[in-house]
Amino acid sequence: MKGTFPINKIKGTETPFYFYNTGLLRETLETAKKEAGKFGYFIHYAMKANANPRLLSIIREHGFGADCVSGGEVLAALKAGFPASKVVFAGVGKADWEINAALDNDIFCFNIESVPELEVINELAAAKNKVASIAIRVNPNVDAHTHHYITTGLQENKFGINLCDLDMVIDLAIALPNIKLVGLHFHIGSQITDMTPFASLSMRINEIQTKLGERKIRLEHINVGGGLGIDYDHPNRQPIPDFKSYFETFHKHLNLYEGQTFHCELGRSLVAQCGSLISKVLYIKQGTAKQFAILDAGMTDLIRPALYQAYHKIENISSDEPLEKYDVVGPICESSDCFEKEADLNKAHRGDYFALRSAGAYGEIMASQYNLRKLPGSFLSEDFI
């Protein structure tokens, strides 16, 4: 994989920075679109994964919609050219200005998560003499069997309406004059690679739809959220996620009414593998029982290892020397600023370039200026041609 990084052209570029392989990004988008298109399914890109404007432009060009979780994301999606008719807006804590911005732009749908939120949207829509389309986010109590920080579909989580309250919330939504109930929304978690939770979600949705059908309620669309994971261990072996199995699972298990549309919100699976964090080795420090490769990138540039104990494959793209073991750490004044312990890497020297792979999702977008550090830069592969 080292040959895919233009190491000679990277030299001299200020590090750390994010490098995006747009050829892989386009291939990933085309594959997802093809597999979803077999069943007429519609994809909204989950902008929280990465909102780099140049990547957004490429994603929009492929015809995807946008899934937003803040007013800032709604405005960024519109600025990037996503049609308002393809923008959905989720989130447990929408501020009035965020709701108003979405109403002013006539977005496709609000995914609402509480009764107070529903009432506020109705009030703000009434003030503008508008009717807001909403989908109710349902907490299906389906375990995604993933890290507890990124599990969202259990009753203990802060997200969505619990099943026991669903009828009451539906009745309220139908009764409010400036609300149009158009769908149900679900999301059970992230980084799911076993399709079983998606099958379980489908069957839970079928149960809900059957009960609503008994009340003569048929909604325009079902939104199953996102959650499809990637192969962090072997980014070279599986650079494109298993979109085929993902969409086939829903086609097999989810019963949609005639004319009812299917929506999903993929983020990580679309952009993670195309991105790498490129960092330079500042020092090789010899410890008593181990050696450290100290990088100029830290948890401020890629927080996932510190926050989730997440794994990112690390490569020394400057060296073909024999493998040695290193604790790969950053310069931040925190003990948690460690990317990997006992990593097997080609022998490293001061000035070598390391690539932290599979960092296109929840990398650049989560960067901070803790320790008053500069934010990392970003480049597309074509910038080095």
Protein backbone atom coordinates (compact mmCIF):
# COMPACT_ATOMS: atom_id res chain seq x y z
CA MET A 1 0.00 0.00 0.00
CA LYS A 2 2.97 2.31 0.46
CA GLY A 3 3.10 2.86 -3.28
CA THR A 4 -0.32 4.53 -3.19
CA PHE A 5 1.05 7.40 -1.11
CA PRO A 6 3.04 9.89 -3.23
CA ILE A 7 5.83 9.95 -0.68
CA ASN A 8 8.22 12.03 -2.79
CA LYS A 9 5.58 14.74 -3.25
CA ILE A 10 4.38 14.53 0.35
CA LYS A 11 7.87 15.45 1.55
CA GLY A 12 7.95 19.12 2.39
CA THR A 13 4.21 19.31 3.07
CA GLU A 14 3.48 20.53 6.59
CA THR A 15 2.37 17.68 8.81
CA PRO A 16 0.12 16.41 10.21
CA PHE A 17 -2.48 16.42 7.45
CA TYR A 18 -5.31 14.30 6.13
CA PHE A 19 -4.80 12.63 2.77
CA TYR A 20 -7.91 11.56 0.85
CA ASN A 21 -7.74 9.05 -1.98
CA THR A 22 -10.55 10.36 -4.16
CA GLY A 23 -10.28 7.48 -6.61
CA LEU A 24 -11.21 5.09 -3.80
CA LEU A 25 -13.89 7.48 -2.56
CA ARG A 26 -15.56 7.58 -5.97
CA GLU A 27 -15.37 3.80 -6.34
CA THR A 28 -16.94 3.39 -2.89
CA LEU A 29 -19.76 5.81 -3.68
CA GLU A 30 -20.46 4.13 -7.00
CA THR A 31 -20.57 0.69 -5.36
CA ALA A 32 -22.96 1.84 -2.62
CA LYS A 33 -25.19 3.61 -5.12
CA LYS A 34 -25.29 0.53 -7.37
CA GLU A 35 -26.21 -1.86 -4.54
CA ALA A 36 -28.86 0.48 -3.12
CA GLY A 37 -30.24 1.11 -6.57
CA LYS A 38 -31.05 -2.57 -7.06
CA PHE A 39 -33.93 -2.09 -4.63
CA GLY A 40 -34.72 1.57 -5.19
CA TYR A 41 -33.23 2.51 -1.82
CA PHE A 42 -32.09 6.07 -1.13
CA ILE A 43 -28.88 7.04 0.70
CA HIS A 44 -28.35 10.19 2.76
CA TYR A 45 -24.67 10.78 3.55
CA ALA A 46 -24.15 11.20 7.31
CA MET A 47 -22.22 14.47 7.39
CA LYS A 48 -20.99 14.03 10.94
CA ALA A 49 -18.45 11.50 9.59
CA ASN A 50 -16.60 14.11 7.54
CA ALA A 51 -17.71 17.54 6.34
CA ASN A 52 -14.64 18.46 4.31
CA PRO A 53 -16.18 20.71 1.61
CA ARG A 54 -14.22 19.10 -1.23
CA LEU A 55 -15.41 15.63 -0.22
CA LEU A 56 -18.98 16.89 0.15
CA SER A 57 -18.86 18.14 -3.42
CA ILE A 58 -17.85 14.69 -4.69
CA ILE A 59 -20.56 12.97 -2.63
CA ARG A 60 -23.21 15.40 -3.83
CA GLU A 61 -22.14 14.83 -7.44
CA HIS A 62 -23.03 11.15 -7.01
CA GLY A 63 -26.63 12.03 -6.20
CA PHE A 64 -26.66 11.30 -2.47
CA GLY A 65 -28.75 13.21 0.04
CA ALA A 66 -27.45 14.55 3.35
CA ASP A 67 -28.12 13.44 6.90
CA CYS A 68 -27.45 16.31 9.30
CA VAL A 69 -27.31 16.46 13.10
CA SER A 70 -26.86 20.20 13.57
CA GLY A 71 -27.89 23.46 12.00
CA GLY A 72 -24.30 23.96 10.93
CA GLU A 73 -24.41 20.70 9.02
CA VAL A 74 -27.72 21.66 7.38
CA LEU A 75 -26.20 24.92 6.16
CA ALA A 76 -23.00 23.18 5.03
CA ALA A 77 -25.01 20.62 3.07
CA LEU A 78 -26.97 23.34 1.29
CA LYS A 79 -23.77 25.31 0.60
CA ALA A 80 -22.23 22.16 -0.91
CA GLY A 81 -25.18 21.92 -3.28
CA PHE A 82 -27.23 19.13 -1.72
CA PRO A 83 -30.88 19.80 -2.62
CA ALA A 84 -33.00 20.73 0.40
CA SER A 85 -35.42 18.03 -0.75
CA LYS A 86 -32.74 15.45 0.10
CA VAL A 87 -31.73 16.83 3.52
CA VAL A 88 -32.82 15.15 6.76
CA PHE A 89 -32.16 16.71 10.16
CA ALA A 90 -31.77 14.53 13.26
CA GLY A 91 -30.43 15.12 16.77
CA VAL A 92 -31.73 15.13 20.33
CA GLY A 93 -31.06 18.82 21.00
CA LYS A 94 -32.07 21.02 18.08
CA ALA A 95 -31.87 24.72 19.02
CA ASP A 96 -34.54 27.15 17.80
CA TRP A 97 -32.19 28.79 15.29
CA GLU A 98 -31.32 25.38 13.84
CA ILE A 99 -34.97 24.44 13.43
CA ASN A 100 -35.71 27.83 11.87
CA ALA A 101 -32.84 27.47 9.41
CA ALA A 102 -34.17 24.08 8.31
CA LEU A 103 -37.73 25.43 8.03
CA ASP A 104 -36.56 28.43 6.00
CA ASN A 105 -34.91 26.08 3.52
CA ASP A 106 -37.83 23.60 3.33
CA ILE A 107 -35.75 20.50 4.06
CA PHE A 108 -37.10 17.03 3.34
CA CYS A 109 -37.67 15.92 6.93
CA PHE A 110 -36.95 16.45 10.62
CA ASN A 111 -36.20 13.26 12.55
CA ILE A 112 -37.70 14.13 15.94
CA GLU A 113 -36.63 12.54 19.22
CA SER A 114 -38.90 13.87 21.96
CA VAL A 115 -42.35 15.33 22.62
CA PRO A 116 -40.98 18.77 23.61
CA GLU A 117 -39.02 18.92 20.36
CA LEU A 118 -42.13 18.01 18.37
CA GLU A 119 -44.09 20.78 20.08
CA VAL A 120 -41.36 23.37 19.46
CA ILE A 121 -41.11 22.48 15.76
CA ASN A 122 -44.87 22.85 15.48
CA GLU A 123 -44.73 26.26 17.20
CA LEU A 124 -41.86 27.55 15.05
CA ALA A 125 -43.47 26.23 11.86
CA ALA A 126 -46.73 27.95 12.78
CA ALA A 127 -44.90 31.26 13.20
CA LYS A 128 -43.69 30.91 9.60
CA ASN A 129 -47.06 29.66 8.35
CA LYS A 130 -45.40 26.40 7.30
CA VAL A 131 -45.99 22.68 7.84
CA ALA A 132 -42.93 20.72 8.91
CA SER A 133 -42.50 17.14 7.67
CA ILE A 134 -41.29 14.90 10.47
CA ALA A 135 -40.29 11.30 11.07
CA ILE A 136 -40.38 9.92 14.58
CA ARG A 137 -37.09 8.42 15.69
CA VAL A 138 -37.99 5.20 17.41
CA ASN A 139 -35.73 3.53 19.94
CA PRO A 140 -36.24 -0.12 18.87
CA ASN A 141 -34.31 -1.65 21.80
CA VAL A 142 -32.12 -3.63 19.39
CA ASP A 143 -28.56 -4.33 20.54
CA ALA A 144 -25.98 -3.58 17.84
CA HIS A 145 -23.26 -5.42 19.83
CA THR A 146 -20.74 -2.64 19.28
CA HIS A 147 -18.78 -0.26 21.54
CA HIS A 148 -21.05 1.19 24.23
CA TYR A 149 -20.13 4.75 23.20
CA ILE A 150 -21.55 4.16 19.70
CA THR A 151 -24.58 2.04 20.60
CA THR A 152 -27.72 4.12 20.18
CA GLY A 153 -30.74 1.80 19.96
CA LEU A 154 -31.22 0.60 23.55
CA GLN A 155 -33.69 1.95 26.09
CA GLU A 156 -30.80 3.20 28.22
CA ASN A 157 -29.61 5.52 25.43
CA LYS A 158 -30.65 9.17 25.12
CA PHE A 159 -31.89 8.81 21.57
CA GLY A 160 -35.39 8.41 20.19
CA ILE A 161 -38.88 7.59 21.41
CA ASN A 162 -39.28 4.38 23.39
CA LEU A 163 -41.68 1.82 21.96
CA CYS A 164 -44.07 2.14 24.88
CA ASP A 165 -44.58 5.84 24.06
CA LEU A 166 -44.83 5.54 20.29
CA ASP A 167 -48.64 5.51 19.99
CA MET A 168 -48.93 8.61 22.17
CA VAL A 169 -46.32 10.52 20.13
CA ILE A 170 -47.95 9.49 16.85
CA ASP A 171 -51.33 10.72 18.10
CA LEU A 172 -49.77 14.05 19.09
CA ALA A 173 -47.98 14.43 15.75
CA ILE A 174 -51.19 13.78 13.83
CA ALA A 175 -53.07 16.31 15.97
CA LEU A 176 -50.58 19.18 15.65
CA PRO A 177 -51.67 21.53 12.84
CA ASN A 178 -48.22 22.49 11.58
CA ILE A 179 -46.77 19.00 11.57
CA LYS A 180 -46.97 16.36 8.85
CA LEU A 181 -45.99 12.87 9.99
CA VAL A 182 -44.28 11.19 7.03
CA GLY A 183 -42.10 8.43 8.44
CA LEU A 184 -40.28 6.50 11.11
CA HIS A 185 -36.56 6.78 11.76
CA PHE A 186 -34.23 4.28 13.44
CA HIS A 187 -30.53 4.04 14.23
CA ILE A 188 -29.07 1.27 16.39
CA GLY A 189 -25.36 2.09 16.44
CA SER A 190 -22.15 2.32 14.44
CA GLN A 191 -19.34 0.09 13.16
CA ILE A 192 -21.63 -2.92 12.68
CA THR A 193 -20.09 -5.61 10.48
CA ASP A 194 -22.37 -8.54 11.35
CA MET A 195 -25.66 -8.17 9.46
CA THR A 196 -27.68 -9.89 12.23
CA PRO A 197 -28.52 -6.62 14.07
CA PHE A 198 -29.85 -5.15 10.81
CA ALA A 199 -32.05 -8.23 10.33
CA SER A 200 -33.28 -7.84 13.92
CA LEU A 201 -34.02 -4.16 13.30
CA SER A 202 -36.00 -5.06 10.17
CA MET A 203 -38.16 -7.52 12.08
CA ARG A 204 -38.78 -4.96 14.82
CA ILE A 205 -39.83 -2.42 12.19
CA ASN A 206 -42.18 -5.01 10.69
CA GLU A 207 -43.81 -5.47 14.10
CA ILE A 208 -44.25 -1.72 14.50
CA GLN A 209 -45.67 -1.33 11.00
CA THR A 210 -48.15 -4.16 11.58
CA LYS A 211 -49.45 -2.47 14.73
CA LEU A 212 -49.71 0.87 12.93
CA GLY A 213 -51.51 -0.85 10.07
CA GLU A 214 -54.15 -2.02 12.52
CA ARG A 215 -54.73 1.68 13.21
CA LYS A 216 -54.92 2.37 9.45
CA ILE A 217 -51.66 4.34 9.65
CA ARG A 218 -49.33 3.99 6.67
CA LEU A 219 -46.33 6.28 6.49
CA GLU A 220 -44.49 7.49 3.41
CA HIS A 221 -41.03 6.32 4.32
CA ILE A 222 -38.88 4.21 6.64
CA ASN A 223 -35.39 5.43 7.54
CA VAL A 224 -33.16 2.70 9.02
CA GLY A 225 -30.28 5.03 9.88
CA GLY A 226 -26.70 3.96 9.26
CA GLY A 227 -24.19 1.87 11.17
CA LEU A 228 -22.47 -0.24 8.51
CA GLY A 229 -18.88 -0.79 9.58
CA ILE A 230 -15.54 -1.09 7.81
CA ASP A 231 -12.46 -3.31 8.11
CA TYR A 232 -10.04 -1.29 10.23
CA ASP A 233 -7.67 -4.25 10.55
CA HIS A 234 -7.21 -4.84 6.81
CA PRO A 235 -7.88 -1.63 4.86
CA ASN A 236 -5.88 -2.92 1.90
CA ARG A 237 -7.72 -6.22 1.74
CA GLN A 238 -11.23 -4.76 2.05
CA PRO A 239 -11.15 -1.08 1.04
CA ILE A 240 -14.87 -1.09 0.11
CA PRO A 241 -17.42 -2.26 2.72
CA ASP A 242 -19.96 -5.01 2.10
CA PHE A 243 -22.77 -2.84 0.74
CA LYS A 244 -24.20 -5.84 -1.10
CA SER A 245 -24.95 -7.79 2.09
CA TYR A 246 -26.13 -4.66 3.89
CA PHE A 247 -28.85 -3.78 1.38
CA GLU A 248 -29.76 -7.42 0.69
CA THR A 249 -30.37 -7.92 4.43
CA PHE A 250 -32.99 -5.19 4.48
CA HIS A 251 -34.51 -6.36 1.20
CA LYS A 252 -34.86 -9.87 2.63
CA HIS A 253 -36.18 -9.01 6.08
CA LEU A 254 -37.90 -5.61 5.88
CA ASN A 255 -41.50 -5.49 4.68
CA LEU A 256 -42.34 -2.18 3.03
CA TYR A 257 -45.80 -1.16 1.88
CA GLU A 258 -46.33 -0.57 -1.81
CA GLY A 259 -45.05 2.92 -2.56
CA GLN A 260 -43.28 3.26 0.78
CA THR A 261 -39.68 4.44 0.35
CA PHE A 262 -36.54 3.22 2.10
CA HIS A 263 -33.92 5.66 3.36
CA CYS A 264 -30.59 5.07 5.11
CA GLU A 265 -27.83 7.28 6.48
CA LEU A 266 -24.37 5.92 5.68
CA GLY A 267 -21.31 7.85 6.79
CA ARG A 268 -18.27 5.90 7.98
CA SER A 269 -18.73 3.21 5.33
CA LEU A 270 -18.57 5.80 2.53
CA VAL A 271 -15.56 7.87 3.59
CA ALA A 272 -13.46 6.09 6.22
CA GLN A 273 -11.18 4.00 4.02
CA CYS A 274 -10.31 6.81 1.60
CA GLY A 275 -8.70 8.90 4.35
CA SER A 276 -5.35 8.61 6.13
CA LEU A 277 -3.68 10.87 8.67
CA ILE A 278 -0.12 11.56 7.57
CA SER A 279 2.32 12.38 10.36
CA LYS A 280 6.06 12.81 10.72
CA VAL A 281 8.24 11.12 13.33
CA LEU A 282 9.69 13.71 15.70
CA TYR A 283 11.76 11.39 17.84
CA ILE A 284 12.53 7.72 18.48
CA LYS A 285 12.79 7.42 22.25
CA GLN A 286 14.41 4.37 23.81
CA GLY A 287 12.68 3.30 27.01
CA THR A 288 13.76 0.70 29.53
CA ALA A 289 11.59 -2.08 28.12
CA LYS A 290 10.24 -0.54 24.92
CA GLN A 291 10.79 2.16 22.34
CA PHE A 292 8.50 5.01 21.40
CA ALA A 293 7.83 6.58 18.02
CA ILE A 294 6.78 10.12 18.91
CA LEU A 295 4.75 11.72 16.12
CA ASP A 296 3.81 15.30 15.37
CA ALA A 297 0.16 14.13 15.22
CA GLY A 298 -1.72 13.51 18.41
CA MET A 299 -5.15 12.96 19.86
CA THR A 300 -6.05 16.49 18.80
CA ASP A 301 -5.78 15.34 15.19
CA LEU A 302 -7.30 11.85 15.56
CA ILE A 303 -9.14 11.33 18.83
CA ARG A 304 -10.71 7.94 18.20
CA PRO A 305 -7.93 5.82 19.80
CA ALA A 306 -8.04 7.93 22.97
CA LEU A 307 -11.84 8.22 23.07
CA TYR A 308 -12.92 4.72 22.00
CA GLN A 309 -9.66 2.76 22.23
CA ALA A 310 -10.19 2.44 18.48
CA TYR A 311 -7.66 0.76 16.23
CA HIS A 312 -6.15 2.36 13.14
CA LYS A 313 -3.59 0.43 11.13
CA ILE A 314 -0.30 2.36 11.15
CA GLU A 315 2.26 2.17 8.35
CA ASN A 316 5.75 3.62 8.11
CA ILE A 317 5.55 4.76 4.48
CA SER A 318 9.19 5.91 4.48
CA SER A 319 10.88 2.65 5.40
CA ASP A 320 11.33 -0.90 4.07
CA GLU A 321 13.69 -1.92 6.87
CA PRO A 322 12.93 -4.93 9.12
CA LEU A 323 10.02 -4.74 11.55
CA GLU A 324 10.46 -3.48 15.11
CA LYS A 325 7.99 -2.86 17.90
CA TYR A 326 7.01 0.68 18.87
CA ASP A 327 4.54 2.43 21.08
CA VAL A 328 3.26 5.07 18.66
CA VAL A 329 2.38 8.21 20.61
CA GLY A 330 1.66 11.88 20.06
CA PRO A 331 2.99 15.09 21.65
CA ILE A 332 -0.10 15.98 23.71
CA CYS A 333 0.28 16.30 27.47
CA GLU A 334 -2.08 13.41 28.19
CA SER A 335 -1.25 9.76 28.88
CA SER A 336 -4.15 8.76 26.62
CA ASP A 337 -2.36 10.35 23.64
CA CYS A 338 -1.32 6.98 22.25
CA PHE A 339 -2.25 5.57 18.85
CA GLU A 340 -1.02 2.00 19.36
CA LYS A 341 1.15 0.01 21.74
CA GLU A 342 3.59 -2.66 20.57
CA ALA A 343 2.95 -1.85 16.92
CA ASP A 344 4.99 -3.83 14.39
CA LEU A 345 6.46 -1.25 12.02
CA ASN A 346 9.36 -0.98 9.62
CA LYS A 347 12.34 0.44 11.52
CA ALA A 348 11.63 4.13 12.08
CA HIS A 349 13.86 7.18 12.11
CA ARG A 350 13.36 10.86 12.86
CA GLY A 351 11.68 12.43 9.84
CA ASP A 352 9.93 9.26 8.61
CA TYR A 353 6.33 9.59 7.52
CA PHE A 354 3.63 7.46 9.15
CA ALA A 355 0.16 6.87 7.72
CA LEU A 356 -2.69 6.19 10.14
CA ARG A 357 -5.16 4.40 7.92
CA SER A 358 -8.98 4.28 7.74
CA ALA A 359 -9.18 7.81 9.14
CA GLY A 360 -11.57 9.39 6.66
CA ALA A 361 -14.45 9.19 9.15
CA TYR A 362 -14.46 10.86 12.57
CA GLY A 363 -10.90 12.08 12.06
CA GLU A 364 -10.57 15.56 10.60
CA ILE A 365 -14.11 16.49 11.69
CA MET A 366 -13.33 15.78 15.38
CA ALA A 367 -9.97 17.55 15.47
CA SER A 368 -9.45 20.11 18.22
CA GLN A 369 -6.99 22.81 19.23
CA TYR A 370 -6.28 21.44 22.69
CA ASN A 371 -2.78 22.51 23.81
CA LEU A 372 -3.31 25.41 21.34
CA ARG A 373 -2.28 23.19 18.46
CA LYS A 374 -3.03 24.02 14.85
CA LEU A 375 -5.77 22.05 13.17
CA PRO A 376 -4.48 19.48 10.67
CA GLY A 377 -4.50 20.35 6.99
CA SER A 378 -6.16 18.28 4.27
CA PHE A 379 -5.29 17.31 0.71
CA LEU A 380 -6.89 15.21 -2.00
CA SER A 381 -4.86 12.70 -3.97
CA GLU A 382 -5.12 14.84 -7.08
CA ASP A 383 -3.33 17.66 -5.27
CA PHE A 384 -0.12 15.63 -5.53
CA ILE A 385 -0.36 14.73 -9.22
